[in-house]
């Protein structure tokens, strides 16, 4: 019985050590996800409106073989929202 008790105590201490070793990595994952959401918000609020305004101003213009087309702002916003949702669901912390 003494051997079993010592093994159980060692298992518990190993689990505690593993949890304490993993906590910085979990914090880094949460911080990274927050930065990802912040970047999505900046794109959502600043870049997409600027892109649509620029596309309206120079609609139909082209440079060489590249042409400027209208940008569907709502579709871009939907794609960014889906990116955030997918990243949140598939968050690699378990």
PDB file of N, CA and C in Angstrom:
ATOM      1  N   UNK A   1       0.819  -1.190   0.000  1.00  0.00           N
ATOM      2  CA  UNK A   1       0.000   0.000   0.000  1.00  0.00           C
ATOM      3  C   UNK A   1       0.865   1.256   0.000  1.00  0.00           C
ATOM      4  N   UNK A   2       1.984   1.173   0.690  1.00  0.00           N
ATOM      5  CA  UNK A   2       2.858   2.337   0.766  1.00  0.00           C
ATOM      6  C   UNK A   2       3.401   2.693  -0.623  1.00  0.00           C
ATOM      7  N   UNK A   3       3.716   1.690  -1.423  1.00  0.00           N
ATOM      8  CA  UNK A   3       4.247   1.917  -2.773  1.00  0.00           C
ATOM      9  C   UNK A   3       3.182   2.566  -3.654  1.00  0.00           C
ATOM     10  N   UNK A   4       1.951   2.112  -3.536  1.00  0.00           N
ATOM     11  CA  UNK A   4       0.855   2.675  -4.318  1.00  0.00           C
ATOM     12  C   UNK A   4       0.636   4.134  -3.921  1.00  0.00           C
ATOM     13  N   UNK A   5       0.686   4.429  -2.638  1.00  0.00           N
ATOM     14  CA  UNK A   5       0.503   5.803  -2.169  1.00  0.00           C
ATOM     15  C   UNK A   5       1.624   6.707  -2.684  1.00  0.00           C
ATOM     16  N   UNK A   6       2.841   6.218  -2.676  1.00  0.00           N
ATOM     17  CA  UNK A   6       3.961   7.014  -3.194  1.00  0.00           C
ATOM     18  C   UNK A   6       3.805   7.259  -4.692  1.00  0.00           C
ATOM     19  N   UNK A   7       3.368   6.247  -5.420  1.00  0.00           N
ATOM     20  CA  UNK A   7       3.141   6.419  -6.860  1.00  0.00           C
ATOM     21  C   UNK A   7       2.047   7.450  -7.135  1.00  0.00           C
ATOM     22  N   UNK A   8       0.980   7.393  -6.362  1.00  0.00           N
ATOM     23  CA  UNK A   8      -0.105   8.359  -6.543  1.00  0.00           C
ATOM     24  C   UNK A   8       0.362   9.778  -6.228  1.00  0.00           C
ATOM     25  N   UNK A   9       1.152   9.928  -5.160  1.00  0.00           N
ATOM     26  CA  UNK A   9       1.680  11.257  -4.822  1.00  0.00           C
ATOM     27  C   UNK A   9       2.585  11.778  -5.930  1.00  0.00           C
ATOM     28  N   UNK A  10       3.403  10.890  -6.486  1.00  0.00           N
ATOM     29  CA  UNK A  10       4.286  11.312  -7.583  1.00  0.00           C
ATOM     30  C   UNK A  10       3.485  11.686  -8.823  1.00  0.00           C
ATOM     31  N   UNK A  11       2.428  10.935  -9.117  1.00  0.00           N
ATOM     32  CA  UNK A  11       1.570  11.266 -10.257  1.00  0.00           C
ATOM     33  C   UNK A  11       0.927  12.630 -10.078  1.00  0.00           C
ATOM     34  N   UNK A  12       0.424  12.906  -8.886  1.00  0.00           N
ATOM     35  CA  UNK A  12      -0.191  14.213  -8.611  1.00  0.00           C
ATOM     36  C   UNK A  12       0.817  15.341  -8.740  1.00  0.00           C
ATOM     37  N   UNK A  13       2.010  15.125  -8.249  1.00  0.00           N
ATOM     38  CA  UNK A  13       3.018  16.185  -8.359  1.00  0.00           C
ATOM     39  C   UNK A  13       3.427  16.410  -9.808  1.00  0.00           C
ATOM     40  N   UNK A  14       3.486  15.350 -10.597  1.00  0.00           N
ATOM     41  CA  UNK A  14       3.798  15.490 -12.024  1.00  0.00           C
ATOM     42  C   UNK A  14       2.693  16.241 -12.761  1.00  0.00           C
ATOM     43  N   UNK A  15       1.435  15.963 -12.404  1.00  0.00           N
ATOM     44  CA  UNK A  15       0.318  16.677 -13.017  1.00  0.00           C
ATOM     45  C   UNK A  15       0.351  18.164 -12.666  1.00  0.00           C
ATOM     46  N   UNK A  16       0.655  18.475 -11.405  1.00  0.00           N
ATOM     47  CA  UNK A  16       0.755  19.886 -10.997  1.00  0.00           C
ATOM     48  C   UNK A  16       1.900  20.588 -11.720  1.00  0.00           C
ATOM     49  N   UNK A  17       3.021  19.901 -11.860  1.00  0.00           N
ATOM     50  CA  UNK A  17       4.175  20.481 -12.550  1.00  0.00           C
ATOM     51  C   UNK A  17       3.860  20.711 -14.019  1.00  0.00           C
ATOM     52  N   UNK A  18       3.195  19.748 -14.628  1.00  0.00           N
ATOM     53  CA  UNK A  18       2.829  19.911 -16.037  1.00  0.00           C
ATOM     54  C   UNK A  18       1.874  21.088 -16.235  1.00  0.00           C
ATOM     55  N   UNK A  19       0.909  21.225 -15.331  1.00  0.00           N
ATOM     56  CA  UNK A  19      -0.035  22.338 -15.425  1.00  0.00           C
ATOM     57  C   UNK A  19       0.676  23.678 -15.242  1.00  0.00           C
ATOM     58  N   UNK A  20       1.606  23.744 -14.310  1.00  0.00           N
ATOM     59  CA  UNK A  20       2.325  25.006 -14.093  1.00  0.00           C
ATOM     60  C   UNK A  20       3.286  25.300 -15.239  1.00  0.00           C
ATOM     61  N   UNK A  21       3.826  24.261 -15.867  1.00  0.00           N
ATOM     62  CA  UNK A  21       4.700  24.471 -17.027  1.00  0.00           C
ATOM     63  C   UNK A  21       3.914  24.930 -18.252  1.00  0.00           C
ATOM     64  N   UNK A  22       2.675  24.503 -18.376  1.00  0.00           N
ATOM     65  CA  UNK A  22       1.868  24.849 -19.544  1.00  0.00           C
ATOM     66  C   UNK A  22       1.171  26.196 -19.422  1.00  0.00           C
ATOM     67  N   UNK A  23       1.045  26.753 -18.241  1.00  0.00           N
ATOM     68  CA  UNK A  23       0.290  27.993 -18.076  1.00  0.00           C
ATOM     69  C   UNK A  23       0.861  29.170 -18.879  1.00  0.00           C
ATOM     70  N   UNK A  24       2.177  29.355 -19.014  1.00  0.00           N
ATOM     71  CA  UNK A  24       2.643  30.450 -19.885  1.00  0.00           C
ATOM     72  C   UNK A  24       2.242  30.259 -21.344  1.00  0.00           C
ATOM     73  N   UNK A  25       2.237  29.025 -21.816  1.00  0.00           N
ATOM     74  CA  UNK A  25       1.854  28.763 -23.200  1.00  0.00           C
ATOM     75  C   UNK A  25       0.371  29.049 -23.429  1.00  0.00           C
ATOM     76  N   UNK A  26      -0.441  28.719 -22.450  1.00  0.00           N
ATOM     77  CA  UNK A  26      -1.870  29.012 -22.547  1.00  0.00           C
ATOM     78  C   UNK A  26      -2.079  30.525 -22.578  1.00  0.00           C
ATOM     79  N   UNK A  27      -1.354  31.247 -21.737  1.00  0.00           N
ATOM     80  CA  UNK A  27      -1.466  32.706 -21.727  1.00  0.00           C
ATOM     81  C   UNK A  27      -1.038  33.290 -23.070  1.00  0.00           C
ATOM     82  N   UNK A  28       0.015  32.761 -23.654  1.00  0.00           N
ATOM     83  CA  UNK A  28       0.473  33.228 -24.965  1.00  0.00           C
ATOM     84  C   UNK A  28      -0.599  32.972 -26.021  1.00  0.00           C
ATOM     85  N   UNK A  29      -1.260  31.836 -25.958  1.00  0.00           N
ATOM     86  CA  UNK A  29      -2.325  31.535 -26.916  1.00  0.00           C
ATOM     87  C   UNK A  29      -3.477  32.526 -26.777  1.00  0.00           C
ATOM     88  N   UNK A  30      -3.875  32.851 -25.561  1.00  0.00           N
ATOM     89  CA  UNK A  30      -4.947  33.810 -25.355  1.00  0.00           C
ATOM     90  C   UNK A  30      -4.543  35.207 -25.845  1.00  0.00           C
ATOM     91  N   UNK A  31      -3.329  35.614 -25.570  1.00  0.00           N
ATOM     92  CA  UNK A  31      -2.851  36.918 -26.029  1.00  0.00           C
ATOM     93  C   UNK A  31      -2.816  36.960 -27.554  1.00  0.00           C
ATOM     94  N   UNK A  32      -2.348  35.890 -28.178  1.00  0.00           N
ATOM     95  CA  UNK A  32      -2.305  35.820 -29.636  1.00  0.00           C
ATOM     96  C   UNK A  32      -3.706  35.910 -30.225  1.00  0.00           C
ATOM     97  N   UNK A  33      -4.653  35.234 -29.622  1.00  0.00           N
ATOM     98  CA  UNK A  33      -6.033  35.301 -30.102  1.00  0.00           C
ATOM     99  C   UNK A  33      -6.587  36.718 -29.961  1.00  0.00           C
ATOM    100  N   UNK A  34      -6.270  37.386 -28.862  1.00  0.00           N
ATOM    101  CA  UNK A  34      -6.700  38.768 -28.676  1.00  0.00           C
ATOM    102  C   UNK A  34      -6.116  39.693 -29.732  1.00  0.00           C
ATOM    103  N   UNK A  35      -4.844  39.517 -30.048  1.00  0.00           N
ATOM    104  CA  UNK A  35      -4.211  40.323 -31.097  1.00  0.00           C
ATOM    105  C   UNK A  35      -4.866  40.035 -32.445  1.00  0.00           C
ATOM    106  N   UNK A  36      -5.164  38.772 -32.706  1.00  0.00           N
ATOM    107  CA  UNK A  36      -5.837  38.396 -33.948  1.00  0.00           C
ATOM    108  C   UNK A  36      -7.185  39.097 -34.054  1.00  0.00           C
ATOM    109  N   UNK A  37      -7.963  39.107 -32.977  1.00  0.00           N
ATOM    110  CA  UNK A  37      -9.258  39.783 -32.987  1.00  0.00           C
ATOM    111  C   UNK A  37      -9.105  41.291 -33.156  1.00  0.00           C
ATOM    112  N   UNK A  38      -8.073  41.860 -32.544  1.00  0.00           N
ATOM    113  CA  UNK A  38      -7.819  43.291 -32.689  1.00  0.00           C
ATOM    114  C   UNK A  38      -7.483  43.640 -34.145  1.00  0.00           C
ATOM    115  N   UNK A  39      -6.676  42.828 -34.785  1.00  0.00           N
ATOM    116  CA  UNK A  39      -6.335  43.057 -36.194  1.00  0.00           C
ATOM    117  C   UNK A  39      -7.580  42.927 -37.064  1.00  0.00           C
ATOM    118  N   UNK A  40      -8.422  41.931 -36.786  1.00  0.00           N
ATOM    119  CA  UNK A  40      -9.665  41.799 -37.542  1.00  0.00           C
ATOM    120  C   UNK A  40     -10.544  43.039 -37.380  1.00  0.00           C
ATOM    121  N   UNK A  41     -10.589  43.565 -36.177  1.00  0.00           N
ATOM    122  CA  UNK A  41     -11.410  44.759 -35.927  1.00  0.00           C
ATOM    123  C   UNK A  41     -10.867  45.965 -36.690  1.00  0.00           C
ATOM    124  N   UNK A  42      -9.555  46.125 -36.717  1.00  0.00           N
ATOM    125  CA  UNK A  42      -8.952  47.239 -37.455  1.00  0.00           C
ATOM    126  C   UNK A  42      -9.250  47.085 -38.946  1.00  0.00           C
ATOM    127  N   UNK A  43      -9.119  45.875 -39.467  1.00  0.00           N
ATOM    128  CA  UNK A  43      -9.446  45.646 -40.867  1.00  0.00           C
ATOM    129  C   UNK A  43     -10.920  45.946 -41.134  1.00  0.00           C
ATOM    130  N   UNK A  44     -11.758  45.538 -40.225  1.00  0.00           N
ATOM    131  CA  UNK A  44     -13.203  45.703 -40.361  1.00  0.00           C
ATOM    132  C   UNK A  44     -13.599  47.174 -40.340  1.00  0.00           C
ATOM    133  N   UNK A  45     -12.993  47.947 -39.448  1.00  0.00           N
ATOM    134  CA  UNK A  45     -13.385  49.341 -39.259  1.00  0.00           C
ATOM    135  C   UNK A  45     -12.632  50.320 -40.155  1.00  0.00           C
ATOM    136  N   UNK A  46     -11.398  50.011 -40.523  1.00  0.00           N
ATOM    137  CA  UNK A  46     -10.600  50.992 -41.241  1.00  0.00           C
ATOM    138  C   UNK A  46     -10.275  50.591 -42.674  1.00  0.00           C
ATOM    139  N   UNK A  47      -9.761  49.409 -42.870  1.00  0.00           N
ATOM    140  CA  UNK A  47      -9.253  49.039 -44.187  1.00  0.00           C
ATOM    141  C   UNK A  47     -10.368  48.803 -45.203  1.00  0.00           C
ATOM    142  N   UNK A  48     -11.403  48.087 -44.817  1.00  0.00           N
ATOM    143  CA  UNK A  48     -12.468  47.779 -45.768  1.00  0.00           C
ATOM    144  C   UNK A  48     -13.173  49.044 -46.248  1.00  0.00           C
ATOM    145  N   UNK A  49     -13.542  49.988 -45.367  1.00  0.00           N
ATOM    146  CA  UNK A  49     -14.151  51.219 -45.883  1.00  0.00           C
ATOM    147  C   UNK A  49     -13.218  52.006 -46.813  1.00  0.00           C
ATOM    148  N   UNK A  50     -11.927  52.031 -46.502  1.00  0.00           N
ATOM    149  CA  UNK A  50     -10.980  52.731 -47.380  1.00  0.00           C
ATOM    150  C   UNK A  50     -10.870  52.037 -48.726  1.00  0.00           C
ATOM    151  N   UNK A  51     -10.876  50.707 -48.721  1.00  0.00           N
ATOM    152  CA  UNK A  51     -10.795  49.968 -49.981  1.00  0.00           C
ATOM    153  C   UNK A  51     -12.021  50.210 -50.852  1.00  0.00           C
ATOM    154  N   UNK A  52     -13.197  50.206 -50.255  1.00  0.00           N
ATOM    155  CA  UNK A  52     -14.409  50.415 -51.041  1.00  0.00           C
ATOM    156  C   UNK A  52     -14.466  51.835 -51.585  1.00  0.00           C
ATOM    157  N   UNK A  53     -14.044  52.814 -50.793  1.00  0.00           N
ATOM    158  CA  UNK A  53     -14.030  54.207 -51.255  1.00  0.00           C
ATOM    159  C   UNK A  53     -13.033  54.383 -52.401  1.00  0.00           C
ATOM    160  N   UNK A  54     -11.871  53.801 -52.277  1.00  0.00           N
ATOM    161  CA  UNK A  54     -10.873  53.897 -53.341  1.00  0.00           C
ATOM    162  C   UNK A  54     -11.347  53.187 -54.598  1.00  0.00           C
ATOM    163  N   UNK A  55     -12.006  52.060 -54.437  1.00  0.00           N
ATOM    164  CA  UNK A  55     -12.513  51.330 -55.598  1.00  0.00           C
ATOM    165  C   UNK A  55     -13.595  52.125 -56.315  1.00  0.00           C
ATOM    166  N   UNK A  56     -14.422  52.848 -55.562  1.00  0.00           N
ATOM    167  CA  UNK A  56     -15.457  53.685 -56.177  1.00  0.00           C
ATOM    168  C   UNK A  56     -14.835  54.842 -56.954  1.00  0.00           C
ATOM    169  N   UNK A  57     -13.775  55.416 -56.416  1.00  0.00           N
ATOM    170  CA  UNK A  57     -13.150  56.575 -57.050  1.00  0.00           C
ATOM    171  C   UNK A  57     -12.455  56.207 -58.351  1.00  0.00           C
ATOM    172  N   UNK A  58     -11.866  55.038 -58.421  1.00  0.00           N
ATOM    173  CA  UNK A  58     -11.113  54.674 -59.624  1.00  0.00           C
ATOM    174  C   UNK A  58     -11.720  53.466 -60.326  1.00  0.00           C
ATOM    175  N   UNK A  59     -13.043  53.347 -60.254  1.00  0.00           N
ATOM    176  CA  UNK A  59     -13.726  52.198 -60.865  1.00  0.00           C
ATOM    177  C   UNK A  59     -13.476  52.180 -62.367  1.00  0.00           C
ATOM    178  N   UNK A  60     -13.158  51.025 -62.860  1.00  0.00           N
ATOM    179  CA  UNK A  60     -12.947  50.848 -64.287  1.00  0.00           C
ATOM    180  C   UNK A  60     -11.546  51.171 -64.755  1.00  0.00           C
ATOM    181  N   UNK A  61     -10.763  51.833 -63.954  1.00  0.00           N
ATOM    182  CA  UNK A  61      -9.399  52.156 -64.355  1.00  0.00           C
ATOM    183  C   UNK A  61      -8.556  50.896 -64.320  1.00  0.00           C
ATOM    184  N   UNK A  62      -7.535  50.886 -65.130  1.00  0.00           N
ATOM    185  CA  UNK A  62      -6.676  49.716 -65.141  1.00  0.00           C
ATOM    186  C   UNK A  62      -5.238  50.112 -65.346  1.00  0.00           C
ATOM    187  N   UNK A  63      -4.365  49.263 -64.924  1.00  0.00           N
ATOM    188  CA  UNK A  63      -2.936  49.494 -65.091  1.00  0.00           C
ATOM    189  C   UNK A  63      -2.370  48.226 -65.715  1.00  0.00           C
ATOM    190  N   UNK A  64      -2.058  48.307 -67.006  1.00  0.00           N
ATOM    191  CA  UNK A  64      -1.578  47.113 -67.674  1.00  0.00           C
ATOM    192  C   UNK A  64      -2.703  46.107 -67.787  1.00  0.00           C
ATOM    193  N   UNK A  65      -2.477  44.926 -67.315  1.00  0.00           N
ATOM    194  CA  UNK A  65      -3.518  43.888 -67.354  1.00  0.00           C
ATOM    195  C   UNK A  65      -4.348  43.863 -66.080  1.00  0.00           C
ATOM    196  N   UNK A  66      -3.925  44.593 -65.052  1.00  0.00           N
ATOM    197  CA  UNK A  66      -4.667  44.615 -63.792  1.00  0.00           C
ATOM    198  C   UNK A  66      -5.783  45.644 -63.875  1.00  0.00           C
ATOM    199  N   UNK A  67      -6.964  45.258 -63.454  1.00  0.00           N
ATOM    200  CA  UNK A  67      -8.081  46.192 -63.425  1.00  0.00           C
ATOM    201  C   UNK A  67      -8.600  46.285 -61.998  1.00  0.00           C
ATOM    202  N   UNK A  68      -9.136  47.448 -61.691  1.00  0.00           N
ATOM    203  CA  UNK A  68      -9.709  47.687 -60.371  1.00  0.00           C
ATOM    204  C   UNK A  68     -11.192  47.341 -60.445  1.00  0.00           C
ATOM    205  N   UNK A  69     -11.644  46.507 -59.552  1.00  0.00           N
ATOM    206  CA  UNK A  69     -13.052  46.116 -59.527  1.00  0.00           C
ATOM    207  C   UNK A  69     -13.663  46.588 -58.221  1.00  0.00           C
ATOM    208  N   UNK A  70     -14.972  46.657 -58.208  1.00  0.00           N
ATOM    209  CA  UNK A  70     -15.666  47.032 -56.977  1.00  0.00           C
ATOM    210  C   UNK A  70     -15.513  45.928 -55.942  1.00  0.00           C
ATOM    211  N   UNK A  71     -15.403  46.341 -54.712  1.00  0.00           N
ATOM    212  CA  UNK A  71     -15.220  45.407 -53.606  1.00  0.00           C
ATOM    213  C   UNK A  71     -16.537  45.317 -52.847  1.00  0.00           C
ATOM    214  N   UNK A  72     -16.987  44.116 -52.617  1.00  0.00           N
ATOM    215  CA  UNK A  72     -18.200  43.917 -51.837  1.00  0.00           C
ATOM    216  C   UNK A  72     -17.829  43.974 -50.356  1.00  0.00           C
ATOM    217  N   UNK A  73     -18.095  45.128 -49.741  1.00  0.00           N
ATOM    218  CA  UNK A  73     -17.682  45.360 -48.354  1.00  0.00           C
ATOM    219  C   UNK A  73     -18.371  44.397 -47.391  1.00  0.00           C
ATOM    220  N   UNK A  74     -19.649  44.136 -47.626  1.00  0.00           N
ATOM    221  CA  UNK A  74     -20.377  43.243 -46.719  1.00  0.00           C
ATOM    222  C   UNK A  74     -19.830  41.821 -46.777  1.00  0.00           C
ATOM    223  N   UNK A  75     -19.420  41.411 -47.964  1.00  0.00           N
ATOM    224  CA  UNK A  75     -18.845  40.065 -48.083  1.00  0.00           C
ATOM    225  C   UNK A  75     -17.495  39.988 -47.362  1.00  0.00           C
ATOM    226  N   UNK A  76     -16.690  41.027 -47.502  1.00  0.00           N
ATOM    227  CA  UNK A  76     -15.404  41.067 -46.804  1.00  0.00           C
ATOM    228  C   UNK A  76     -15.608  41.051 -45.293  1.00  0.00           C
ATOM    229  N   UNK A  77     -16.584  41.806 -44.801  1.00  0.00           N
ATOM    230  CA  UNK A  77     -16.870  41.827 -43.365  1.00  0.00           C
ATOM    231  C   UNK A  77     -17.343  40.456 -42.887  1.00  0.00           C
ATOM    232  N   UNK A  78     -18.154  39.786 -43.729  1.00  0.00           N
ATOM    233  CA  UNK A  78     -18.623  38.452 -43.371  1.00  0.00           C
ATOM    234  C   UNK A  78     -17.448  37.473 -43.294  1.00  0.00           C
ATOM    235  N   UNK A  79     -16.523  37.572 -44.251  1.00  0.00           N
ATOM    236  CA  UNK A  79     -15.357  36.685 -44.256  1.00  0.00           C
ATOM    237  C   UNK A  79     -14.513  36.915 -43.006  1.00  0.00           C
ATOM    238  N   UNK A  80     -14.297  38.174 -42.630  1.00  0.00           N
ATOM    239  CA  UNK A  80     -13.515  38.465 -41.420  1.00  0.00           C
ATOM    240  C   UNK A  80     -14.228  37.954 -40.172  1.00  0.00           C
ATOM    241  N   UNK A  81     -15.553  38.107 -40.132  1.00  0.00           N
ATOM    242  CA  UNK A  81     -16.307  37.588 -38.980  1.00  0.00           C
ATOM    243  C   UNK A  81     -16.180  36.076 -38.890  1.00  0.00           C
ATOM    244  N   UNK A  82     -16.269  35.414 -40.031  1.00  0.00           N
ATOM    245  CA  UNK A  82     -16.126  33.958 -40.028  1.00  0.00           C
ATOM    246  C   UNK A  82     -14.718  33.544 -39.615  1.00  0.00           C
ATOM    247  N   UNK A  83     -13.715  34.303 -40.018  1.00  0.00           N
ATOM    248  CA  UNK A  83     -12.342  33.998 -39.586  1.00  0.00           C
ATOM    249  C   UNK A  83     -12.237  34.034 -38.060  1.00  0.00           C
ATOM    250  N   UNK A  84     -12.821  35.059 -37.452  1.00  0.00           N
ATOM    251  CA  UNK A  84     -12.786  35.160 -35.996  1.00  0.00           C
ATOM    252  C   UNK A  84     -13.523  34.024 -35.312  1.00  0.00           C
ATOM    253  N   UNK A  85     -14.675  33.651 -35.862  1.00  0.00           N
ATOM    254  CA  UNK A  85     -15.456  32.556 -35.273  1.00  0.00           C
ATOM    255  C   UNK A  85     -14.716  31.231 -35.401  1.00  0.00           C
ATOM    256  N   UNK A  86     -14.168  30.976 -36.584  1.00  0.00           N
ATOM    257  CA  UNK A  86     -13.446  29.715 -36.789  1.00  0.00           C
ATOM    258  C   UNK A  86     -12.224  29.638 -35.889  1.00  0.00           C
ATOM    259  N   UNK A  87     -11.500  30.747 -35.775  1.00  0.00           N
ATOM    260  CA  UNK A  87     -10.324  30.761 -34.898  1.00  0.00           C
ATOM    261  C   UNK A  87     -10.738  30.541 -33.442  1.00  0.00           C
ATOM    262  N   UNK A  88     -11.862  31.120 -33.046  1.00  0.00           N
ATOM    263  CA  UNK A  88     -12.337  30.925 -31.672  1.00  0.00           C
ATOM    264  C   UNK A  88     -12.748  29.499 -31.388  1.00  0.00           C
ATOM    265  N   UNK A  89     -13.394  28.855 -32.364  1.00  0.00           N
ATOM    266  CA  UNK A  89     -13.840  27.473 -32.170  1.00  0.00           C
ATOM    267  C   UNK A  89     -12.644  26.514 -32.195  1.00  0.00           C
ATOM    268  N   UNK A  90     -11.724  26.755 -33.090  1.00  0.00           N
ATOM    269  CA  UNK A  90     -10.574  25.854 -33.244  1.00  0.00           C
ATOM    270  C   UNK A  90      -9.384  26.314 -32.408  1.00  0.00           C
ATOM    271  N   UNK A  91      -9.636  27.076 -31.380  1.00  0.00           N
ATOM    272  CA  UNK A  91      -8.575  27.595 -30.522  1.00  0.00           C
ATOM    273  C   UNK A  91      -7.789  26.443 -29.944  1.00  0.00           C
ATOM    274  N   UNK A  92      -6.461  26.459 -30.085  1.00  0.00           N
ATOM    275  CA  UNK A  92      -5.657  25.276 -29.734  1.00  0.00           C
ATOM    276  C   UNK A  92      -5.330  25.117 -28.253  1.00  0.00           C
ATOM    277  N   UNK A  93      -6.264  25.434 -27.388  1.00  0.00           N
ATOM    278  CA  UNK A  93      -6.021  25.239 -25.950  1.00  0.00           C
ATOM    279  C   UNK A  93      -7.038  24.221 -25.451  1.00  0.00           C
ATOM    280  N   UNK A  94      -6.569  23.138 -24.953  1.00  0.00           N
ATOM    281  CA  UNK A  94      -7.478  22.128 -24.410  1.00  0.00           C
ATOM    282  C   UNK A  94      -6.943  21.502 -23.204  1.00  0.00           C
TER     283      UNK A  94
END
